[in-house]
Amino acid sequence: MRFRPDLYGTAKRRGIDLDRCVGPDRFLGLTLSSLRLIDAVMELEPRREFVVQAGACLGVWPIYLSSLFDHVLSFEPSRDNFEWSHENLSRHGRTNTHLVNAALGDRKGSVTLSTTRKRDFVDVSTWIVGDARGVKALVPVPMYALDGFIMGSFGPGPRLDLLVLDVEGYELPALIGAREVLERDLPMVVLETNGCCEKFFTWTRADTDAFLFDLGYVKTVDLGNDAIYTCE
């Protein structure tokens, strides 16, 4: 048995067959435990047509979201994680998900992905490169602003109902690049708030909150390492 029995139950309740999944088992297990955040989102009864999610990791997030929403757009900058995600989506027969091998940020261009012992995160700072926690490689990856990507791919629609960002501290640039969509559609927003921005970048969780608050959002649910924001 690859996983603990409780993880099989957690996955099954969300339409995920763990024995079909490829990729490192440890990360599959860690990602599964974070899906309770989406359960908290669904309790708030969002519209369920279109969701954008960044940080697909091994595809677990978009697999679950694709069972809840009509259309899923998912971004994953790491090539390995992208390929695992693509394979896992295919093995689960998910055809309503568009997976993009790129980062989300405040502009169209490229950034450097630093591969560490633990995970991949977007790096726009030499501080991370010089950190002693074990950078293995630096890889340039494409980056898109969500506003431009949605307009270029879908035109003025569809309306965005939920934006989920698990981007290791890069939430603020991703939100800045999505400002037009946020102002137009007022989607529910889910952010990881575990302090990675302070560790890796020059902005803070308070800066990210202030950006959303200026758009009329409120922090509806605070789960410690994650938060849900809504706008009336």
Protein backbone atom coordinates (compact mmCIF):
# COMPACT_ATOMS: atom_id res chain seq x y z
CA MET A 1 0.00 0.00 0.00
CA ARG A 2 1.54 3.32 -1.12
CA PHE A 3 -0.36 5.53 1.32
CA ARG A 4 -1.99 5.44 4.71
CA PRO A 5 -5.61 4.18 4.63
CA ASP A 6 -6.94 7.57 5.73
CA LEU A 7 -5.30 9.26 2.73
CA TYR A 8 -7.01 6.81 0.38
CA GLY A 9 -10.31 7.76 1.98
CA THR A 10 -9.55 11.48 1.73
CA ALA A 11 -8.69 11.10 -1.95
CA LYS A 12 -11.67 8.91 -2.81
CA ARG A 13 -14.14 11.39 -1.31
CA ARG A 14 -12.75 13.98 -3.71
CA GLY A 15 -12.76 11.79 -6.81
CA ILE A 16 -9.02 11.06 -6.77
CA ASP A 17 -7.64 7.56 -7.30
CA LEU A 18 -4.23 7.61 -5.62
CA ASP A 19 -3.09 4.38 -7.22
CA ARG A 20 -3.50 6.03 -10.64
CA CYS A 21 -1.35 9.02 -9.67
CA VAL A 22 2.28 9.48 -10.66
CA GLY A 23 4.84 11.66 -8.89
CA PRO A 24 6.52 11.66 -5.47
CA ASP A 25 4.25 10.00 -2.92
CA ARG A 26 5.25 12.42 -0.16
CA PHE A 27 4.00 15.43 -2.09
CA LEU A 28 0.83 13.67 -3.15
CA GLY A 29 0.06 13.07 0.51
CA LEU A 30 0.88 16.64 1.55
CA THR A 31 -1.25 18.11 -1.23
CA LEU A 32 -4.20 15.91 -0.33
CA SER A 33 -4.25 17.28 3.20
CA SER A 34 -4.57 20.82 1.85
CA LEU A 35 -7.74 20.07 -0.12
CA ARG A 36 -9.79 20.72 3.00
CA LEU A 37 -9.31 24.37 2.08
CA ILE A 38 -11.48 23.86 -1.02
CA ASP A 39 -14.11 22.20 1.15
CA ALA A 40 -14.18 25.42 3.22
CA VAL A 41 -14.58 27.41 0.01
CA MET A 42 -17.53 25.33 -1.14
CA GLU A 43 -19.31 25.95 2.15
CA LEU A 44 -19.47 29.61 1.08
CA GLU A 45 -21.38 28.55 -2.06
CA PRO A 46 -19.46 30.27 -4.86
CA ARG A 47 -20.61 30.23 -8.46
CA ARG A 48 -19.22 27.03 -10.00
CA GLU A 49 -18.48 27.83 -13.62
CA PHE A 50 -14.85 28.99 -13.92
CA VAL A 51 -11.90 28.68 -11.54
CA VAL A 52 -8.24 29.66 -11.98
CA GLN A 53 -5.70 27.85 -9.82
CA ALA A 54 -1.93 28.45 -9.70
CA GLY A 55 0.44 25.88 -8.26
CA ALA A 56 -0.96 22.65 -9.73
CA CYS A 57 1.87 20.67 -8.14
CA LEU A 58 1.04 17.07 -9.06
CA GLY A 59 -2.42 17.80 -10.44
CA VAL A 60 -4.30 17.01 -7.24
CA TRP A 61 -5.76 20.53 -6.95
CA PRO A 62 -7.09 20.72 -10.53
CA ILE A 63 -8.40 17.14 -10.40
CA TYR A 64 -10.55 18.00 -7.39
CA LEU A 65 -11.57 21.41 -8.71
CA SER A 66 -12.57 19.89 -12.05
CA SER A 67 -15.20 17.82 -10.25
CA LEU A 68 -16.68 20.99 -8.70
CA PHE A 69 -16.43 23.59 -11.49
CA ASP A 70 -17.37 23.57 -15.16
CA HIS A 71 -13.99 24.90 -16.32
CA VAL A 72 -10.56 24.89 -14.65
CA LEU A 73 -7.49 26.89 -15.73
CA SER A 74 -4.39 25.76 -13.85
CA PHE A 75 -0.82 27.10 -13.92
CA GLU A 76 2.29 25.15 -12.93
CA PRO A 77 5.77 26.60 -13.65
CA SER A 78 7.85 23.53 -12.78
CA ARG A 79 8.30 21.30 -15.82
CA ASP A 80 8.40 18.09 -13.78
CA ASN A 81 5.31 19.04 -11.78
CA PHE A 82 3.56 20.10 -14.97
CA GLU A 83 4.21 16.73 -16.61
CA TRP A 84 3.07 14.81 -13.54
CA SER A 85 -0.02 17.02 -13.33
CA HIS A 86 -0.82 16.50 -17.00
CA GLU A 87 -0.48 12.74 -16.66
CA ASN A 88 -2.62 12.58 -13.52
CA LEU A 89 -5.36 14.69 -15.10
CA SER A 90 -5.31 12.38 -18.13
CA ARG A 91 -5.47 9.26 -15.96
CA HIS A 92 -8.55 10.68 -14.24
CA GLY A 93 -10.24 11.56 -17.54
CA ARG A 94 -10.47 15.27 -16.76
CA THR A 95 -11.24 17.08 -20.01
CA ASN A 96 -12.54 20.36 -18.56
CA THR A 97 -9.11 21.51 -17.35
CA HIS A 98 -6.57 23.60 -19.24
CA LEU A 99 -3.07 23.20 -17.77
CA VAL A 100 -0.40 25.82 -18.51
CA ASN A 101 3.35 25.32 -17.92
CA ALA A 102 4.01 28.87 -16.66
CA ALA A 103 4.00 31.09 -13.61
CA LEU A 104 1.44 33.77 -12.78
CA GLY A 105 2.79 37.25 -12.08
CA ASP A 106 2.31 40.95 -12.70
CA ARG A 107 3.37 40.93 -16.36
CA LYS A 108 4.01 38.75 -19.38
CA GLY A 109 7.65 37.72 -19.54
CA SER A 110 9.82 35.24 -17.70
CA VAL A 111 11.11 34.58 -14.20
CA THR A 112 13.60 32.18 -12.68
CA LEU A 113 12.41 29.06 -10.93
CA SER A 114 14.72 27.92 -8.14
CA THR A 115 14.53 24.21 -7.41
CA THR A 116 15.19 23.50 -3.76
CA ARG A 117 15.29 20.28 -1.78
CA LYS A 118 11.68 20.81 -0.74
CA ARG A 119 9.81 22.43 -3.60
CA ASP A 120 9.87 24.84 -6.53
CA PHE A 121 9.16 28.50 -6.04
CA VAL A 122 9.28 31.55 -8.26
CA ASP A 123 12.47 33.53 -7.70
CA VAL A 124 12.86 37.19 -8.59
CA SER A 125 15.46 37.85 -5.88
CA THR A 126 19.15 36.99 -5.70
CA TRP A 127 18.64 36.57 -1.95
CA ILE A 128 16.97 33.23 -2.62
CA VAL A 129 19.75 32.16 -4.95
CA GLY A 130 22.33 32.87 -2.27
CA ASP A 131 20.38 31.24 0.52
CA ALA A 132 21.96 28.30 2.31
CA ARG A 133 18.88 26.06 2.17
CA GLY A 134 20.04 24.22 -0.90
CA VAL A 135 19.29 25.70 -4.31
CA LYS A 136 19.89 23.00 -6.92
CA ALA A 137 19.20 24.76 -10.19
CA LEU A 138 17.93 27.96 -11.73
CA VAL A 139 15.53 27.56 -14.63
CA PRO A 140 13.92 30.38 -16.63
CA VAL A 141 10.18 29.84 -17.07
CA PRO A 142 7.47 31.85 -18.87
CA MET A 143 5.20 34.05 -16.80
CA TYR A 144 1.80 35.56 -17.58
CA ALA A 145 -0.39 38.22 -16.04
CA LEU A 146 -3.81 36.64 -15.62
CA ASP A 147 -5.60 39.67 -17.10
CA GLY A 148 -3.76 39.38 -20.39
CA PHE A 149 -3.88 35.59 -20.48
CA ILE A 150 -7.64 35.42 -20.01
CA MET A 151 -8.28 38.17 -22.56
CA GLY A 152 -5.95 36.55 -25.08
CA SER A 153 -7.36 33.06 -24.59
CA PHE A 154 -11.04 33.67 -23.89
CA GLY A 155 -11.82 37.27 -24.83
CA PRO A 156 -14.00 39.25 -22.39
CA GLY A 157 -15.42 36.09 -20.79
CA PRO A 158 -16.03 33.80 -19.03
CA ARG A 159 -16.67 35.28 -15.61
CA LEU A 160 -14.14 34.16 -13.03
CA ASP A 161 -15.75 32.65 -9.92
CA LEU A 162 -12.74 31.53 -7.88
CA LEU A 163 -9.00 32.32 -7.88
CA VAL A 164 -6.77 29.94 -5.90
CA LEU A 165 -3.08 30.86 -5.46
CA ASP A 166 -0.57 28.45 -3.95
CA VAL A 167 2.57 30.14 -5.26
CA GLU A 168 5.05 30.14 -2.39
CA GLY A 169 4.97 33.83 -1.53
CA TYR A 170 4.37 35.19 -5.03
CA GLU A 171 0.71 35.99 -4.34
CA LEU A 172 0.98 39.78 -4.56
CA PRO A 173 2.46 39.96 -8.10
CA ALA A 174 -0.07 37.35 -9.24
CA LEU A 175 -2.91 39.46 -7.82
CA ILE A 176 -1.54 42.64 -9.40
CA GLY A 177 -1.56 40.87 -12.76
CA ALA A 178 -5.19 39.87 -12.17
CA ARG A 179 -6.46 43.28 -11.07
CA GLU A 180 -8.80 43.85 -14.03
CA VAL A 181 -10.39 40.43 -13.63
CA LEU A 182 -10.76 40.92 -9.88
CA GLU A 183 -12.45 44.29 -10.34
CA ARG A 184 -14.71 43.02 -13.13
CA ASP A 185 -15.80 39.64 -11.78
CA LEU A 186 -15.28 39.91 -7.99
CA PRO A 187 -14.29 36.24 -7.68
CA MET A 188 -13.69 34.55 -4.36
CA VAL A 189 -9.92 34.52 -3.68
CA VAL A 190 -7.97 31.84 -1.82
CA LEU A 191 -4.37 32.52 -0.78
CA GLU A 192 -1.65 30.67 1.04
CA THR A 193 -0.66 32.94 3.96
CA ASN A 194 2.17 30.99 5.58
CA GLY A 195 4.75 33.79 5.44
CA CYS A 196 6.70 32.69 2.37
CA CYS A 197 6.51 36.22 0.97
CA GLU A 198 8.48 37.55 3.95
CA LYS A 199 11.02 34.74 3.63
CA PHE A 200 11.64 34.98 -0.10
CA PHE A 201 10.58 38.47 -1.23
CA THR A 202 10.35 42.11 -0.16
CA TRP A 203 6.58 42.34 0.43
CA THR A 204 4.54 41.12 3.37
CA ARG A 205 1.23 39.41 4.03
CA ALA A 206 -0.06 42.82 5.11
CA ASP A 207 0.81 44.21 1.66
CA THR A 208 -1.15 41.41 0.01
CA ASP A 209 -4.12 42.00 2.29
CA ALA A 210 -4.01 45.74 1.62
CA PHE A 211 -4.13 45.16 -2.14
CA LEU A 212 -7.30 43.08 -1.81
CA PHE A 213 -8.86 45.35 0.78
CA ASP A 214 -8.40 48.32 -1.59
CA LEU A 215 -10.49 46.40 -4.14
CA GLY A 216 -13.28 45.95 -1.61
CA TYR A 217 -12.42 42.44 -0.42
CA VAL A 218 -12.69 41.23 3.15
CA LYS A 219 -10.96 38.27 4.78
CA THR A 220 -13.92 35.97 5.31
CA VAL A 221 -12.10 32.88 6.58
CA ASP A 222 -8.65 32.79 8.23
CA LEU A 223 -7.25 29.29 8.56
CA GLY A 224 -3.79 30.29 9.72
CA ASN A 225 -1.71 29.19 6.74
CA ASP A 226 -4.50 29.96 4.26
CA ALA A 227 -7.24 32.54 3.92
CA ILE A 228 -10.43 33.05 1.88
CA TYR A 229 -11.38 36.54 0.68
CA THR A 230 -14.76 37.60 -0.64
CA CYS A 231 -16.16 40.78 -2.15
CA GLU A 232 -19.82 41.76 -2.22
